[in-house]
Amino acid sequence: METPLVMPERAWLKSIDFGAVDAAQVSQDPLLFSLLATASFTETTSHVYTRNLVEYYTGESEIVRWLKEEWEPEELQHGRALRSYVQTVWPDFDWERAYAAFFAEYSRHCSMDGMQPTRALEMVARCVVETGTSTYYRAVHEYVGEPVLRQIAANISRDEARHYSHFYNFFRGLDEREKNSRTAILRTIFRRLAMIRKDDGYIAFRHVFKVRFPETPFTNAHYIRFNDQMRSMYRTFYPFPMASRMLVRPLGLPPRLERAAAAAVARGGNVVALGMVASTAITLMLEGEPDAAMAAA
């Protein structure tokens, strides 16, 4: 059963008592260390992709203001919270050195080239990212028992879910002009899902591993093992219903079909199920067979 999250204040970091961390509860958990250390890197680098988004949305004053004044400060707050937690529990880990190496590499790859072809579709991609982050921290919240980390994970998950709502509303406004097809939106969802395993997470893990285990040469097998361990944890703690509803929402499906598609993803416990359900249903709808579309879901 999922534990309810408490709505945080926007600037909640000052309320976290890192002196109260029970390190003994978590310090011997290598999966948790990797989850938090890699996440601290990507959150701390938020200013880089904020810069890219601000440039991409030049002329959209409301979007640019929100990115600069709300989204970026809150994302950087996440990075500071996670960094402080990692340094409190694992003080021997040289966070600064590992992050510097990560940033030197990742900042070269994080460019405008990764943006979607239209502004509305880029907002769909951002919805996918915020789905991943809000559910990631929700899973961490459910996985751990240490009270301070549960508080941090709950706050971040709630922030990310709120960010999702902003990106979704921006998408709706932009798509009134662009009028993208459901097929184009679905392709964008899949493209962004495929990128999740290839971008900052992999680079962050590699640099965390190299500093944590300096005597062990890094290979892709280490990252594969980490992902296997994370998937095993997800089977018990990941909020698949929450993720499925968030992923399906930009498709603008009829309510009954949206609920059915989301339920299929949740039952399968795998976002890949979204493609099998939604692509089949959308194809049938475009061919004028709504009853068959409902049956496919």
Protein backbone atom coordinates (compact mmCIF):
# COMPACT_ATOMS: atom_id res chain seq x y z
CA MET A 1 0.00 0.00 0.00
CA GLU A 2 1.38 3.42 -0.95
CA THR A 3 2.08 5.90 1.85
CA PRO A 4 0.44 9.32 1.37
CA LEU A 5 2.84 12.18 0.70
CA VAL A 6 2.68 15.45 2.60
CA MET A 7 2.54 18.67 0.55
CA PRO A 8 5.84 20.47 1.15
CA GLU A 9 6.60 24.16 1.30
CA ARG A 10 8.30 25.34 -1.89
CA ALA A 11 11.56 26.11 -0.07
CA TRP A 12 11.59 23.07 2.21
CA LEU A 13 15.32 22.36 2.41
CA LYS A 14 15.78 24.59 5.46
CA SER A 15 13.38 22.32 7.37
CA ILE A 16 15.51 19.19 6.86
CA ASP A 17 17.54 18.23 9.95
CA PHE A 18 20.55 16.39 8.55
CA GLY A 19 21.83 15.96 12.10
CA ALA A 20 18.91 13.61 12.68
CA VAL A 21 19.87 11.21 9.86
CA ASP A 22 20.10 7.61 11.07
CA ALA A 23 23.04 6.60 8.89
CA ALA A 24 23.11 3.09 10.32
CA GLN A 25 19.77 2.35 8.63
CA VAL A 26 21.01 3.09 5.11
CA SER A 27 24.80 3.22 4.93
CA GLN A 28 25.17 -0.49 4.07
CA ASP A 29 22.73 -0.34 1.14
CA PRO A 30 24.80 -0.08 -2.09
CA LEU A 31 21.70 0.26 -4.29
CA LEU A 32 20.47 3.22 -2.29
CA PHE A 33 23.87 4.88 -2.44
CA SER A 34 23.92 4.61 -6.23
CA LEU A 35 20.33 5.82 -6.55
CA LEU A 36 20.94 8.92 -4.44
CA ALA A 37 24.42 9.80 -5.66
CA THR A 38 23.50 9.62 -9.35
CA ALA A 39 20.28 11.57 -8.74
CA SER A 40 22.21 14.25 -6.83
CA PHE A 41 24.40 14.78 -9.90
CA THR A 42 21.57 15.14 -12.40
CA GLU A 43 19.54 17.43 -10.13
CA THR A 44 22.57 19.62 -9.45
CA THR A 45 23.05 20.07 -13.22
CA SER A 46 19.55 21.48 -13.71
CA HIS A 47 20.88 24.90 -14.63
CA VAL A 48 22.35 23.45 -17.85
CA TYR A 49 19.11 22.15 -19.28
CA THR A 50 17.20 25.14 -17.92
CA ARG A 51 19.47 27.27 -20.12
CA ASN A 52 18.62 25.11 -23.13
CA LEU A 53 14.88 25.27 -22.46
CA VAL A 54 14.91 29.02 -21.92
CA GLU A 55 16.64 29.45 -25.27
CA TYR A 56 14.25 27.05 -26.99
CA TYR A 57 11.18 28.88 -25.65
CA THR A 58 12.37 32.41 -26.43
CA GLY A 59 9.30 34.59 -26.88
CA GLU A 60 7.10 32.48 -24.59
CA SER A 61 7.34 34.85 -21.60
CA GLU A 62 5.19 32.86 -19.17
CA ILE A 63 7.12 29.65 -19.81
CA VAL A 64 10.52 31.34 -19.58
CA ARG A 65 9.59 33.12 -16.33
CA TRP A 66 8.42 29.87 -14.72
CA LEU A 67 11.53 27.98 -15.83
CA LYS A 68 13.86 30.61 -14.40
CA GLU A 69 12.00 31.60 -11.25
CA GLU A 70 10.38 28.36 -10.11
CA TRP A 71 11.52 25.24 -11.91
CA GLU A 72 15.30 25.78 -11.83
CA PRO A 73 15.48 26.88 -8.15
CA GLU A 74 13.39 23.90 -7.08
CA GLU A 75 15.45 21.44 -9.12
CA LEU A 76 18.67 22.86 -7.67
CA GLN A 77 17.14 22.53 -4.20
CA HIS A 78 16.69 18.82 -4.92
CA GLY A 79 20.36 18.57 -5.82
CA ARG A 80 21.47 20.30 -2.63
CA ALA A 81 19.26 18.08 -0.48
CA LEU A 82 20.49 14.86 -2.07
CA ARG A 83 24.11 15.96 -2.00
CA SER A 84 23.86 16.82 1.71
CA TYR A 85 22.25 13.47 2.44
CA VAL A 86 24.89 11.51 0.51
CA GLN A 87 27.71 13.39 2.22
CA THR A 88 26.11 12.84 5.62
CA VAL A 89 25.69 9.07 5.22
CA TRP A 90 28.75 8.31 3.08
CA PRO A 91 31.34 10.95 4.14
CA ASP A 92 34.22 9.03 2.52
CA PHE A 93 32.72 9.48 -0.94
CA ASP A 94 34.42 12.40 -2.69
CA TRP A 95 31.25 13.96 -4.09
CA GLU A 96 32.96 17.07 -5.45
CA ARG A 97 35.54 15.14 -7.46
CA ALA A 98 33.00 12.72 -8.91
CA TYR A 99 30.58 15.52 -9.78
CA ALA A 100 33.29 17.60 -11.45
CA ALA A 101 34.14 14.69 -13.76
CA PHE A 102 30.46 14.07 -14.47
CA PHE A 103 29.78 17.72 -15.26
CA ALA A 104 32.78 18.02 -17.57
CA GLU A 105 31.41 15.16 -19.67
CA TYR A 106 27.68 15.71 -19.43
CA SER A 107 27.77 19.45 -20.14
CA ARG A 108 29.24 18.65 -23.56
CA HIS A 109 26.32 16.36 -24.40
CA CYS A 110 23.43 18.42 -23.00
CA SER A 111 22.63 20.63 -25.97
CA MET A 112 19.78 21.94 -28.07
CA ASP A 113 20.24 18.96 -30.39
CA GLY A 114 18.18 16.83 -28.02
CA MET A 115 15.08 19.02 -28.25
CA GLN A 116 11.93 17.78 -29.94
CA PRO A 117 11.01 19.25 -33.35
CA THR A 118 8.22 21.50 -32.02
CA ARG A 119 7.65 23.42 -28.80
CA ALA A 120 4.51 21.49 -27.88
CA LEU A 121 6.21 18.14 -28.43
CA GLU A 122 9.13 19.23 -26.28
CA MET A 123 6.61 19.79 -23.50
CA VAL A 124 5.43 16.21 -24.01
CA ALA A 125 9.04 15.08 -23.59
CA ARG A 126 9.29 17.13 -20.38
CA CYS A 127 6.13 15.38 -19.14
CA VAL A 128 7.86 12.04 -19.69
CA VAL A 129 10.91 13.21 -17.73
CA GLU A 130 8.81 14.54 -14.85
CA THR A 131 6.85 11.29 -14.82
CA GLY A 132 10.13 9.44 -14.40
CA THR A 133 11.47 11.68 -11.65
CA SER A 134 8.29 11.99 -9.58
CA THR A 135 7.75 8.23 -9.61
CA TYR A 136 11.47 7.52 -9.00
CA TYR A 137 11.44 9.52 -5.77
CA ARG A 138 8.08 8.04 -4.82
CA ALA A 139 9.66 4.58 -5.12
CA VAL A 140 12.62 5.68 -2.99
CA HIS A 141 10.18 7.06 -0.42
CA GLU A 142 8.43 3.70 -0.21
CA TYR A 143 11.67 1.69 -0.28
CA VAL A 144 13.46 3.30 2.67
CA GLY A 145 12.66 3.44 6.36
CA GLU A 146 15.06 6.20 7.36
CA PRO A 147 12.81 9.17 8.32
CA VAL A 148 14.92 12.05 7.00
CA LEU A 149 15.36 10.44 3.58
CA ARG A 150 11.66 9.64 3.44
CA GLN A 151 10.93 13.32 4.05
CA ILE A 152 13.36 14.41 1.31
CA ALA A 153 12.04 11.87 -1.20
CA ALA A 154 8.42 12.80 -0.46
CA ASN A 155 9.15 16.49 -0.98
CA ILE A 156 11.01 15.93 -4.25
CA SER A 157 8.35 13.58 -5.60
CA ARG A 158 5.66 16.14 -4.89
CA ASP A 159 7.69 18.93 -6.50
CA GLU A 160 8.24 16.84 -9.63
CA ALA A 161 4.56 15.96 -9.90
CA ARG A 162 3.71 19.66 -9.70
CA HIS A 163 6.32 20.39 -12.38
CA TYR A 164 4.62 17.77 -14.55
CA SER A 165 1.34 19.68 -14.24
CA HIS A 166 3.01 22.88 -15.40
CA PHE A 167 4.62 21.20 -18.40
CA TYR A 168 1.35 19.49 -19.26
CA ASN A 169 -0.57 22.78 -19.16
CA PHE A 170 2.10 24.46 -21.28
CA PHE A 171 1.77 21.58 -23.75
CA ARG A 172 -1.98 22.06 -23.96
CA GLY A 173 -1.61 25.76 -24.69
CA LEU A 174 1.10 25.28 -27.31
CA ASP A 175 -0.72 22.39 -28.95
CA GLU A 176 -3.77 24.55 -29.56
CA ARG A 177 -1.58 26.25 -32.15
CA GLU A 178 0.36 23.23 -33.40
CA LYS A 179 -2.44 20.62 -33.33
CA ASN A 180 -0.11 17.61 -33.20
CA SER A 181 -1.58 14.22 -33.95
CA ARG A 182 -1.81 11.53 -31.29
CA THR A 183 0.64 9.51 -33.35
CA ALA A 184 3.20 12.34 -33.17
CA ILE A 185 2.67 12.63 -29.42
CA LEU A 186 3.04 8.88 -28.95
CA ARG A 187 6.26 8.84 -30.96
CA THR A 188 7.59 11.65 -28.74
CA ILE A 189 6.75 9.68 -25.60
CA PHE A 190 8.64 6.67 -26.93
CA ARG A 191 11.62 8.71 -28.09
CA ARG A 192 11.98 10.31 -24.68
CA LEU A 193 11.52 7.01 -22.86
CA ALA A 194 14.28 5.50 -25.00
CA MET A 195 16.61 8.38 -24.12
CA ILE A 196 16.21 7.88 -20.36
CA ARG A 197 18.54 4.91 -20.31
CA LYS A 198 21.14 6.54 -22.51
CA ASP A 199 21.73 10.00 -21.14
CA ASP A 200 22.57 11.59 -17.79
CA GLY A 201 21.78 8.55 -15.63
CA TYR A 202 24.41 6.39 -17.29
CA ILE A 203 27.06 9.11 -17.25
CA ALA A 204 26.33 9.94 -13.62
CA PHE A 205 26.50 6.30 -12.53
CA ARG A 206 29.81 5.78 -14.29
CA HIS A 207 31.46 8.70 -12.54
CA VAL A 208 29.96 7.74 -9.17
CA PHE A 209 31.29 4.20 -9.61
CA LYS A 210 34.79 5.33 -10.60
CA VAL A 211 35.22 7.42 -7.47
CA ARG A 212 33.48 4.95 -5.16
CA PHE A 213 35.51 1.99 -6.44
CA PRO A 214 38.77 3.46 -7.78
CA GLU A 215 40.51 0.07 -7.94
CA THR A 216 37.80 -1.53 -10.10
CA PRO A 217 37.71 -0.73 -13.84
CA PHE A 218 34.21 0.32 -14.84
CA THR A 219 32.38 -1.78 -17.42
CA ASN A 220 28.84 -1.62 -18.76
CA ALA A 221 28.14 -4.79 -16.77
CA HIS A 222 28.21 -2.68 -13.60
CA TYR A 223 25.52 -0.39 -14.96
CA ILE A 224 23.46 -3.36 -16.14
CA ARG A 225 23.67 -4.87 -12.67
CA PHE A 226 22.60 -1.56 -11.11
CA ASN A 227 19.58 -1.40 -13.44
CA ASP A 228 18.68 -5.01 -12.62
CA GLN A 229 18.78 -4.20 -8.92
CA MET A 230 16.70 -1.08 -9.47
CA ARG A 231 14.11 -3.02 -11.48
CA SER A 232 13.91 -5.58 -8.69
CA MET A 233 13.22 -2.80 -6.20
CA TYR A 234 10.70 -1.24 -8.57
CA ARG A 235 8.66 -4.44 -8.74
CA THR A 236 7.70 -3.89 -5.12
CA PHE A 237 7.86 -0.15 -4.62
CA TYR A 238 7.36 1.61 -7.98
CA PRO A 239 3.99 3.43 -8.38
CA PHE A 240 3.02 1.96 -11.76
CA PRO A 241 -0.58 3.29 -11.64
CA MET A 242 0.73 6.82 -11.07
CA ALA A 243 3.30 6.51 -13.87
CA SER A 244 0.82 5.06 -16.34
CA ARG A 245 -1.73 7.83 -15.80
CA MET A 246 0.93 10.48 -16.28
CA LEU A 247 2.36 8.91 -19.45
CA VAL A 248 -1.03 8.43 -21.10
CA ARG A 249 -2.41 11.88 -20.30
CA PRO A 250 -0.81 13.92 -23.14
CA LEU A 251 -2.37 11.60 -25.72
CA GLY A 252 -5.75 13.19 -25.04
CA LEU A 253 -7.56 9.88 -25.36
CA PRO A 254 -11.27 9.61 -24.59
CA PRO A 255 -11.68 9.10 -20.82
CA ARG A 256 -12.67 5.43 -21.02
CA LEU A 257 -9.79 4.60 -23.33
CA GLU A 258 -7.33 6.63 -21.24
CA ARG A 259 -8.34 4.72 -18.10
CA ALA A 260 -8.09 1.39 -19.90
CA ALA A 261 -4.68 2.20 -21.36
CA ALA A 262 -3.37 3.38 -18.00
CA ALA A 263 -4.71 0.25 -16.31
CA ALA A 264 -3.03 -1.97 -18.90
CA VAL A 265 0.31 -0.32 -18.26
CA ALA A 266 -0.15 -0.66 -14.50
CA ARG A 267 -1.13 -4.32 -14.78
CA GLY A 268 1.86 -5.09 -16.97
CA GLY A 269 4.22 -3.27 -14.64
CA ASN A 270 6.12 -2.00 -17.65
CA VAL A 271 5.78 1.25 -19.56
CA VAL A 272 6.48 -0.64 -22.78
CA ALA A 273 2.92 -1.93 -22.45
CA LEU A 274 1.80 1.62 -23.14
CA GLY A 275 3.03 1.32 -26.69
CA MET A 276 1.31 -1.98 -27.38
CA VAL A 277 -1.99 -0.69 -26.02
CA ALA A 278 -1.98 2.95 -27.09
CA SER A 279 -0.51 2.48 -30.56
CA THR A 280 -3.02 -0.25 -31.40
CA ALA A 281 -5.92 1.76 -30.00
CA ILE A 282 -4.90 4.97 -31.77
CA THR A 283 -4.50 3.17 -35.08
CA LEU A 284 -7.98 1.69 -34.74
CA MET A 285 -9.44 5.06 -33.79
CA LEU A 286 -7.85 6.69 -36.82
CA GLU A 287 -9.36 3.96 -38.94
CA GLY A 288 -12.78 4.73 -37.51
CA GLU A 289 -13.19 1.67 -35.30
CA PRO A 290 -13.71 3.06 -31.77
CA ASP A 291 -15.29 -0.16 -30.45
CA ALA A 292 -12.30 -2.18 -31.59
CA ALA A 293 -10.03 0.41 -30.02
CA MET A 294 -11.72 -0.08 -26.67
CA ALA A 295 -11.35 -3.85 -27.03
CA ALA A 296 -7.62 -3.43 -27.72
CA ALA A 297 -7.26 -1.57 -24.43
